[in-house]
Structure formats: C-alpha cells, structure tokens
Amino acid sequence: MNVGNVAPSTDNSLSYAERVPMQKLGQDEFIKILVTQLRSQDPLNPQKDTEFVGQMAQFSALESTKMMQDEIQSLRANSLLGQTVEIAGEESNIIGEVTSVDKIQGELKIIVDGVPYSLSDVIRVERTETAARQPQPLTRTPTSTQ
C-alpha cells in the first residue's frame, strides 16, 4: 500500500474548539455512565464497590465545587449593585452604575443603563458616592427616670 502521495491537510480555517462541540457532564450523564458500567462489567470479575464509591465521591466533590463557584459569582455580582463600573465595549468602554443583577440564559448579568453585561466584561469598579450612603447622626430621646 503506497501512501506517499497523501498530503497533509492544510485547511486550518477552524480551530479545534470550533470543530469539537463543548459538552458538559452533568449528574444525569454521570448516572447513565455508572449504570452502563454496571451492565457491561464482566460478571465473573465485577468491579469493586469501592471504585464506584470513589467515582461517586469525586463527582459529588465536583458538583459541590461548581455550586460554590456559582455562589461566589452571585456574591460578586450583588456586591456591584450601586457601584460605578467600567465595561469593556467593542468600540469604546461603557461607564455607568449597576442598577440590578439578572440571570439571563443561566448566566449572571449586571445591568448598567438598562443593558445586561457579563461579569467578565467589567474592567474597573468605583464606589458611587450618594447622599443615601452618608451616615446619619444618631439622636437620642431622653428617658425619664422614676
């Protein structure tokens, strides 16, 4: 078999990330894989239960880490409420006050001047000074002693 005339492909127009779709492994997919492993194992040489427990523990740790990451992102977004932010724009940067936080298509977005932006687009944060944030003096009402 002669393969000397085969030339390597020079079409690099698509990157690897564009050719291979991004897939996420969730809890449902993990359970399906686990059931498939159980069904297809050799009955004379079954997989040890400790291996399954180890896999489940790893998946649990991964899920917990994901949930923690989501909570941290939520805290970060909420901490920007009322702050002046600079957002990286396509043509120029946008500066405005964060008025709300919304979850749009599963992603937290901050709302600046009515437009949603991703947290990753924030390049600078400034404290917004308003009269409402000024500390008010405490007043005491005299109490009568009997």
N, C-alpha and C. Protein backbone atom coordinates (compact mmCIF):
# COMPACT_ATOMS: atom_id res chain seq x y z
N MET A 1 0.84 -1.17 0.00
CA MET A 1 0.00 0.00 0.00
C MET A 1 0.88 1.24 0.00
N ASN A 2 0.71 2.07 -0.99
CA ASN A 2 1.51 3.26 -1.15
C ASN A 2 0.74 4.47 -0.61
N VAL A 3 1.31 5.14 0.39
CA VAL A 3 0.68 6.33 0.95
C VAL A 3 1.55 7.56 0.75
N GLY A 4 2.49 7.47 -0.11
CA GLY A 4 3.41 8.57 -0.35
C GLY A 4 2.75 9.77 -1.01
N ASN A 5 1.67 9.57 -1.74
CA ASN A 5 1.01 10.67 -2.44
C ASN A 5 -0.03 11.40 -1.59
N VAL A 6 -0.17 11.01 -0.35
CA VAL A 6 -1.16 11.65 0.52
C VAL A 6 -0.50 12.86 1.18
N ALA A 7 -1.10 14.02 0.98
CA ALA A 7 -0.57 15.25 1.56
C ALA A 7 -1.36 15.60 2.81
N PRO A 8 -0.69 16.18 3.80
CA PRO A 8 -1.41 16.58 5.00
C PRO A 8 -2.37 17.72 4.69
N SER A 9 -3.45 17.76 5.41
CA SER A 9 -4.44 18.82 5.23
C SER A 9 -3.86 20.15 5.68
N THR A 10 -4.06 21.17 4.86
CA THR A 10 -3.55 22.50 5.22
C THR A 10 -4.69 23.46 5.52
N ASP A 11 -5.93 22.94 5.60
CA ASP A 11 -7.07 23.80 5.91
C ASP A 11 -7.17 23.98 7.42
N ASN A 12 -6.66 25.08 7.91
CA ASN A 12 -6.69 25.39 9.33
C ASN A 12 -7.68 26.50 9.63
N SER A 13 -8.74 26.59 8.81
CA SER A 13 -9.69 27.69 8.97
C SER A 13 -10.49 27.58 10.26
N LEU A 14 -10.70 26.38 10.78
CA LEU A 14 -11.43 26.21 12.03
C LEU A 14 -10.48 25.76 13.12
N SER A 15 -10.60 26.36 14.29
CA SER A 15 -9.78 25.94 15.41
C SER A 15 -10.37 24.66 16.00
N TYR A 16 -9.62 24.02 16.85
CA TYR A 16 -10.08 22.79 17.49
C TYR A 16 -11.36 23.03 18.28
N ALA A 17 -11.42 24.15 19.01
CA ALA A 17 -12.60 24.46 19.82
C ALA A 17 -13.84 24.65 18.96
N GLU A 18 -13.67 25.15 17.75
CA GLU A 18 -14.80 25.36 16.85
C GLU A 18 -15.27 24.04 16.22
N ARG A 19 -14.35 23.09 16.04
CA ARG A 19 -14.71 21.82 15.41
C ARG A 19 -15.36 20.86 16.39
N VAL A 20 -14.95 20.89 17.65
CA VAL A 20 -15.47 19.96 18.64
C VAL A 20 -16.47 20.71 19.52
N PRO A 21 -17.73 20.26 19.54
CA PRO A 21 -18.71 20.96 20.36
C PRO A 21 -18.40 20.82 21.85
N MET A 22 -18.64 21.89 22.59
CA MET A 22 -18.41 21.90 24.03
C MET A 22 -19.55 21.15 24.70
N GLN A 23 -19.22 20.15 25.51
CA GLN A 23 -20.24 19.38 26.21
C GLN A 23 -19.93 19.39 27.69
N LYS A 24 -20.99 19.43 28.49
CA LYS A 24 -20.84 19.40 29.93
C LYS A 24 -21.39 18.10 30.46
N LEU A 25 -20.70 17.52 31.40
CA LEU A 25 -21.13 16.28 32.02
C LEU A 25 -21.88 16.63 33.30
N GLY A 26 -23.17 16.37 33.30
CA GLY A 26 -23.99 16.66 34.46
C GLY A 26 -24.28 15.41 35.26
N GLN A 27 -25.12 15.57 36.27
CA GLN A 27 -25.45 14.46 37.14
C GLN A 27 -26.17 13.34 36.38
N ASP A 28 -27.07 13.69 35.48
CA ASP A 28 -27.79 12.68 34.70
C ASP A 28 -26.84 11.85 33.85
N GLU A 29 -25.89 12.51 33.19
CA GLU A 29 -24.93 11.79 32.35
C GLU A 29 -24.04 10.89 33.20
N PHE A 30 -23.67 11.36 34.40
CA PHE A 30 -22.84 10.55 35.28
C PHE A 30 -23.57 9.27 35.68
N ILE A 31 -24.86 9.39 36.03
CA ILE A 31 -25.65 8.22 36.42
C ILE A 31 -25.77 7.25 35.25
N LYS A 32 -25.98 7.77 34.03
CA LYS A 32 -26.07 6.91 32.85
C LYS A 32 -24.77 6.13 32.63
N ILE A 33 -23.65 6.81 32.79
CA ILE A 33 -22.35 6.15 32.63
C ILE A 33 -22.18 5.07 33.70
N LEU A 34 -22.56 5.40 34.92
CA LEU A 34 -22.44 4.44 36.02
C LEU A 34 -23.28 3.20 35.77
N VAL A 35 -24.53 3.38 35.31
CA VAL A 35 -25.41 2.25 35.01
C VAL A 35 -24.84 1.44 33.86
N THR A 36 -24.31 2.10 32.84
CA THR A 36 -23.71 1.40 31.70
C THR A 36 -22.51 0.57 32.15
N GLN A 37 -21.70 1.12 33.05
CA GLN A 37 -20.57 0.37 33.58
C GLN A 37 -21.04 -0.87 34.32
N LEU A 38 -22.10 -0.72 35.11
CA LEU A 38 -22.62 -1.87 35.87
C LEU A 38 -23.17 -2.95 34.95
N ARG A 39 -23.86 -2.54 33.88
CA ARG A 39 -24.45 -3.50 32.94
C ARG A 39 -23.39 -4.23 32.12
N SER A 40 -22.33 -3.54 31.76
CA SER A 40 -21.36 -4.13 30.84
C SER A 40 -20.15 -4.75 31.52
N GLN A 41 -20.14 -4.79 32.84
CA GLN A 41 -18.97 -5.39 33.50
C GLN A 41 -19.01 -6.91 33.41
N ASP A 42 -17.88 -7.51 33.53
CA ASP A 42 -17.74 -8.96 33.48
C ASP A 42 -18.31 -9.56 34.77
N PRO A 43 -19.33 -10.42 34.67
CA PRO A 43 -19.94 -10.98 35.89
C PRO A 43 -18.98 -11.87 36.69
N LEU A 44 -17.97 -12.42 36.03
CA LEU A 44 -17.00 -13.26 36.73
C LEU A 44 -15.90 -12.44 37.39
N ASN A 45 -15.78 -11.19 36.96
CA ASN A 45 -14.77 -10.31 37.53
C ASN A 45 -15.39 -8.92 37.71
N PRO A 46 -16.33 -8.78 38.65
CA PRO A 46 -17.02 -7.49 38.79
C PRO A 46 -16.11 -6.41 39.37
N GLN A 47 -16.49 -5.19 39.05
CA GLN A 47 -15.74 -4.05 39.58
C GLN A 47 -16.05 -3.92 41.07
N LYS A 48 -15.05 -3.55 41.83
CA LYS A 48 -15.24 -3.45 43.27
C LYS A 48 -16.13 -2.25 43.60
N ASP A 49 -16.94 -2.41 44.64
CA ASP A 49 -17.84 -1.33 45.03
C ASP A 49 -17.08 -0.10 45.51
N THR A 50 -15.87 -0.29 46.00
CA THR A 50 -15.09 0.87 46.45
C THR A 50 -14.73 1.78 45.28
N GLU A 51 -14.57 1.20 44.08
CA GLU A 51 -14.28 2.01 42.91
C GLU A 51 -15.49 2.88 42.55
N PHE A 52 -16.69 2.31 42.67
CA PHE A 52 -17.91 3.08 42.40
C PHE A 52 -18.08 4.19 43.43
N VAL A 53 -17.83 3.86 44.67
CA VAL A 53 -17.95 4.86 45.74
C VAL A 53 -16.95 5.98 45.50
N GLY A 54 -15.76 5.64 45.08
CA GLY A 54 -14.74 6.65 44.78
C GLY A 54 -15.18 7.56 43.64
N GLN A 55 -15.76 6.97 42.59
CA GLN A 55 -16.24 7.77 41.46
C GLN A 55 -17.37 8.70 41.90
N MET A 56 -18.28 8.18 42.73
CA MET A 56 -19.39 9.00 43.20
C MET A 56 -18.89 10.14 44.09
N ALA A 57 -17.89 9.86 44.91
CA ALA A 57 -17.33 10.90 45.78
C ALA A 57 -16.66 11.99 44.94
N GLN A 58 -15.95 11.60 43.90
CA GLN A 58 -15.33 12.58 43.01
C GLN A 58 -16.37 13.44 42.32
N PHE A 59 -17.43 12.81 41.87
CA PHE A 59 -18.49 13.57 41.21
C PHE A 59 -19.17 14.51 42.19
N SER A 60 -19.40 14.04 43.41
CA SER A 60 -20.00 14.89 44.44
C SER A 60 -19.13 16.11 44.72
N ALA A 61 -17.84 15.88 44.83
CA ALA A 61 -16.91 17.00 45.08
C ALA A 61 -16.93 17.98 43.92
N LEU A 62 -17.01 17.47 42.71
CA LEU A 62 -17.07 18.32 41.53
C LEU A 62 -18.35 19.16 41.52
N GLU A 63 -19.48 18.54 41.83
CA GLU A 63 -20.76 19.25 41.90
C GLU A 63 -20.72 20.33 42.98
N SER A 64 -20.15 20.01 44.14
CA SER A 64 -20.05 20.99 45.23
C SER A 64 -19.19 22.16 44.82
N THR A 65 -18.10 21.90 44.14
CA THR A 65 -17.22 22.96 43.67
C THR A 65 -17.94 23.86 42.68
N LYS A 66 -18.72 23.26 41.78
CA LYS A 66 -19.49 24.03 40.81
C LYS A 66 -20.52 24.93 41.50
N MET A 67 -21.22 24.37 42.49
CA MET A 67 -22.21 25.15 43.23
C MET A 67 -21.54 26.30 43.98
N MET A 68 -20.37 26.04 44.56
CA MET A 68 -19.65 27.09 45.28
C MET A 68 -19.20 28.19 44.32
N GLN A 69 -18.75 27.81 43.14
CA GLN A 69 -18.34 28.79 42.14
C GLN A 69 -19.52 29.66 41.73
N ASP A 70 -20.70 29.06 41.56
CA ASP A 70 -21.89 29.83 41.22
C ASP A 70 -22.26 30.81 42.32
N GLU A 71 -22.15 30.38 43.58
CA GLU A 71 -22.46 31.26 44.71
C GLU A 71 -21.48 32.42 44.79
N ILE A 72 -20.21 32.17 44.53
CA ILE A 72 -19.20 33.23 44.55
C ILE A 72 -19.49 34.24 43.45
N GLN A 73 -19.86 33.77 42.26
CA GLN A 73 -20.22 34.67 41.17
C GLN A 73 -21.43 35.52 41.54
N SER A 74 -22.41 34.91 42.21
CA SER A 74 -23.60 35.64 42.64
C SER A 74 -23.23 36.72 43.66
N LEU A 75 -22.39 36.38 44.61
CA LEU A 75 -21.94 37.36 45.60
C LEU A 75 -21.18 38.50 44.93
N ARG A 76 -20.34 38.17 43.98
CA ARG A 76 -19.57 39.18 43.26
C ARG A 76 -20.50 40.13 42.50
N ALA A 77 -21.48 39.56 41.82
CA ALA A 77 -22.42 40.38 41.05
C ALA A 77 -23.23 41.28 41.98
N ASN A 78 -23.72 40.73 43.09
CA ASN A 78 -24.52 41.51 44.02
C ASN A 78 -23.71 42.59 44.71
N SER A 79 -22.41 42.36 44.89
CA SER A 79 -21.57 43.39 45.52
C SER A 79 -21.37 44.59 44.60
N LEU A 80 -21.65 44.44 43.32
CA LEU A 80 -21.50 45.55 42.38
C LEU A 80 -22.74 46.45 42.32
N LEU A 81 -23.83 46.03 42.94
CA LEU A 81 -25.04 46.85 42.94
C LEU A 81 -24.76 48.24 43.50
N GLY A 82 -25.15 49.26 42.77
CA GLY A 82 -24.95 50.63 43.21
C GLY A 82 -23.55 51.16 42.95
N GLN A 83 -22.67 50.34 42.43
CA GLN A 83 -21.30 50.77 42.15
C GLN A 83 -21.19 51.26 40.71
N THR A 84 -20.25 52.15 40.48
CA THR A 84 -19.95 52.59 39.13
C THR A 84 -18.92 51.64 38.54
N VAL A 85 -19.22 51.10 37.37
CA VAL A 85 -18.33 50.15 36.73
C VAL A 85 -17.94 50.64 35.34
N GLU A 86 -16.79 50.18 34.90
CA GLU A 86 -16.36 50.41 33.52
C GLU A 86 -16.40 49.06 32.83
N ILE A 87 -17.12 49.01 31.72
CA ILE A 87 -17.32 47.77 30.97
C ILE A 87 -16.53 47.86 29.66
N ALA A 88 -15.82 46.80 29.33
CA ALA A 88 -15.10 46.75 28.06
C ALA A 88 -16.11 46.59 26.93
N GLY A 89 -16.19 47.59 26.07
CA GLY A 89 -17.09 47.55 24.92
C GLY A 89 -16.34 47.21 23.65
N GLU A 90 -17.08 46.95 22.59
CA GLU A 90 -16.45 46.60 21.32
C GLU A 90 -15.70 47.79 20.72
N GLU A 91 -16.35 48.95 20.75
CA GLU A 91 -15.72 50.15 20.18
C GLU A 91 -15.12 51.04 21.25
N SER A 92 -15.82 51.22 22.35
CA SER A 92 -15.31 52.04 23.46
C SER A 92 -15.86 51.48 24.76
N ASN A 93 -15.25 51.87 25.86
CA ASN A 93 -15.69 51.38 27.16
C ASN A 93 -16.95 52.12 27.60
N ILE A 94 -17.77 51.45 28.37
CA ILE A 94 -19.00 52.00 28.90
C ILE A 94 -18.83 52.20 30.39
N ILE A 95 -19.21 53.37 30.89
CA ILE A 95 -19.14 53.66 32.32
C ILE A 95 -20.55 53.95 32.80
N GLY A 96 -20.95 53.29 33.88
CA GLY A 96 -22.28 53.52 34.42
C GLY A 96 -22.46 52.82 35.75
N GLU A 97 -23.61 53.07 36.37
CA GLU A 97 -23.91 52.47 37.67
C GLU A 97 -24.68 51.17 37.48
N VAL A 98 -24.32 50.16 38.26
CA VAL A 98 -25.01 48.88 38.23
C VAL A 98 -26.33 49.05 38.98
N THR A 99 -27.44 48.85 38.26
CA THR A 99 -28.75 49.06 38.86
C THR A 99 -29.42 47.75 39.28
N SER A 100 -29.04 46.64 38.66
CA SER A 100 -29.62 45.35 39.04
C SER A 100 -28.75 44.21 38.56
N VAL A 101 -29.09 43.01 39.02
CA VAL A 101 -28.41 41.79 38.62
C VAL A 101 -29.49 40.82 38.15
N ASP A 102 -29.32 40.27 36.96
CA ASP A 102 -30.28 39.32 36.39
C ASP A 102 -29.56 38.05 35.96
N LYS A 103 -30.30 36.95 35.95
CA LYS A 103 -29.78 35.70 35.42
C LYS A 103 -30.43 35.52 34.06
N ILE A 104 -29.62 35.61 33.01
CA ILE A 104 -30.11 35.52 31.63
C ILE A 104 -29.47 34.29 30.99
N GLN A 105 -30.30 33.36 30.56
CA GLN A 105 -29.86 32.11 29.94
C GLN A 105 -28.81 31.41 30.79
N GLY A 106 -29.06 31.38 32.11
CA GLY A 106 -28.19 30.66 33.03
C GLY A 106 -26.94 31.40 33.44
N GLU A 107 -26.74 32.62 32.97
CA GLU A 107 -25.53 33.39 33.30
C GLU A 107 -25.92 34.67 34.01
N LEU A 108 -25.21 34.98 35.10
CA LEU A 108 -25.47 36.23 35.82
C LEU A 108 -24.99 37.41 34.98
N LYS A 109 -25.85 38.41 34.90
CA LYS A 109 -25.51 39.63 34.16
C LYS A 109 -25.79 40.82 35.07
N ILE A 110 -24.90 41.82 35.00
CA ILE A 110 -25.17 43.07 35.70
C ILE A 110 -25.85 44.00 34.70
N ILE A 111 -26.75 44.82 35.19
CA ILE A 111 -27.49 45.74 34.32
C ILE A 111 -26.95 47.14 34.55
N VAL A 112 -26.44 47.75 33.47
CA VAL A 112 -25.92 49.12 33.51
C VAL A 112 -26.65 49.90 32.43
N ASP A 113 -27.32 50.96 32.84
CA ASP A 113 -28.11 51.79 31.91
C ASP A 113 -29.09 50.95 31.10
N GLY A 114 -29.69 49.94 31.77
CA GLY A 114 -30.70 49.11 31.12
C GLY A 114 -30.16 48.02 30.21
N VAL A 115 -28.84 47.89 30.11
CA VAL A 115 -28.22 46.91 29.21
C VAL A 115 -27.50 45.84 30.04
N PRO A 116 -27.74 44.55 29.76
CA PRO A 116 -27.05 43.49 30.51
C PRO A 116 -25.60 43.29 30.02
N TYR A 117 -24.71 43.09 30.98
CA TYR A 117 -23.30 42.82 30.67
C TYR A 117 -22.83 41.64 31.51
N SER A 118 -21.89 40.88 30.97
CA SER A 118 -21.29 39.76 31.68
C SER A 118 -20.31 40.29 32.72
N LEU A 119 -20.17 39.56 33.82
CA LEU A 119 -19.22 39.97 34.86
C LEU A 119 -17.79 40.00 34.32
N SER A 120 -17.50 39.17 33.35
CA SER A 120 -16.14 39.13 32.80
C SER A 120 -15.80 40.37 31.98
N ASP A 121 -16.84 41.17 31.62
CA ASP A 121 -16.60 42.39 30.86
C ASP A 121 -16.22 43.57 31.75
N VAL A 122 -16.37 43.44 33.07
CA VAL A 122 -16.05 44.53 34.00
C VAL A 122 -14.54 44.68 34.09
N ILE A 123 -14.06 45.90 33.83
CA ILE A 123 -12.62 46.13 33.90
C ILE A 123 -12.23 47.06 35.05
N ARG A 124 -13.24 47.78 35.62
CA ARG A 124 -12.93 48.67 36.74
C ARG A 124 -14.20 48.92 37.53
N VAL A 125 -14.04 49.06 38.85
CA VAL A 125 -15.17 49.35 39.74
C VAL A 125 -14.80 50.54 40.60
N GLU A 126 -15.74 51.48 40.73
CA GLU A 126 -15.55 52.64 41.60
C GLU A 126 -16.71 52.72 42.56
N ARG A 127 -16.44 53.18 43.76
CA ARG A 127 -17.50 53.37 44.74
C ARG A 127 -18.32 54.58 44.33
N THR A 128 -19.63 54.41 44.26
CA THR A 128 -20.52 55.51 43.93
C THR A 128 -20.88 56.24 45.20
N GLU A 129 -20.63 57.55 45.22
CA GLU A 129 -20.95 58.36 46.38
C GLU A 129 -22.33 58.96 46.22
N THR A 130 -23.25 58.62 47.13
CA THR A 130 -24.57 59.20 47.11
C THR A 130 -24.95 59.66 48.50
N ALA A 131 -25.88 60.57 48.55
CA ALA A 131 -26.32 61.10 49.84
C ALA A 131 -26.94 60.02 50.71
N ALA A 132 -27.53 59.02 50.08
CA ALA A 132 -28.19 57.96 50.83
C ALA A 132 -27.18 57.12 51.61
N ARG A 133 -25.95 57.14 51.19
CA ARG A 133 -24.95 56.33 51.87
C ARG A 133 -24.22 57.09 52.98
N GLN A 134 -24.51 58.37 53.12
CA GLN A 134 -23.87 59.15 54.17
C GLN A 134 -24.41 58.70 55.52
N PRO A 135 -23.55 58.52 56.50
CA PRO A 135 -24.04 58.11 57.82
C PRO A 135 -24.87 59.24 58.44
N GLN A 136 -25.99 58.88 59.01
CA GLN A 136 -26.86 59.86 59.66
C GLN A 136 -26.52 59.90 61.14
N PRO A 137 -26.53 61.11 61.74
CA PRO A 137 -26.23 61.20 63.18
C PRO A 137 -27.35 60.55 63.98
N LEU A 138 -26.96 59.90 65.05
CA LEU A 138 -27.93 59.27 65.93
C LEU A 138 -28.51 60.33 66.87
N THR A 139 -29.79 60.28 67.07
CA THR A 139 -30.41 61.19 68.02
C THR A 139 -31.01 60.35 69.13
N ARG A 140 -30.85 60.82 70.33
CA ARG A 140 -31.40 60.09 71.47
C ARG A 140 -32.56 60.90 72.06
N THR A 141 -33.55 60.16 72.43
CA THR A 141 -34.65 60.81 73.13
C THR A 141 -34.44 60.58 74.62
N PRO A 142 -34.58 61.64 75.40
CA PRO A 142 -34.34 61.46 76.83
C PRO A 142 -35.38 60.54 77.45
N THR A 143 -34.92 59.73 78.34
CA THR A 143 -35.83 58.82 79.05
C THR A 143 -36.04 59.36 80.45
N SER A 144 -37.22 59.22 80.93
CA SER A 144 -37.50 59.72 82.27
C SER A 144 -37.18 58.65 83.29
N THR A 145 -36.66 59.07 84.38
CA THR A 145 -36.35 58.14 85.48
C THR A 145 -37.39 58.30 86.56
N GLN A 146 -37.85 57.25 87.07
CA GLN A 146 -38.87 57.35 88.10
C GLN A 146 -38.38 56.85 89.40
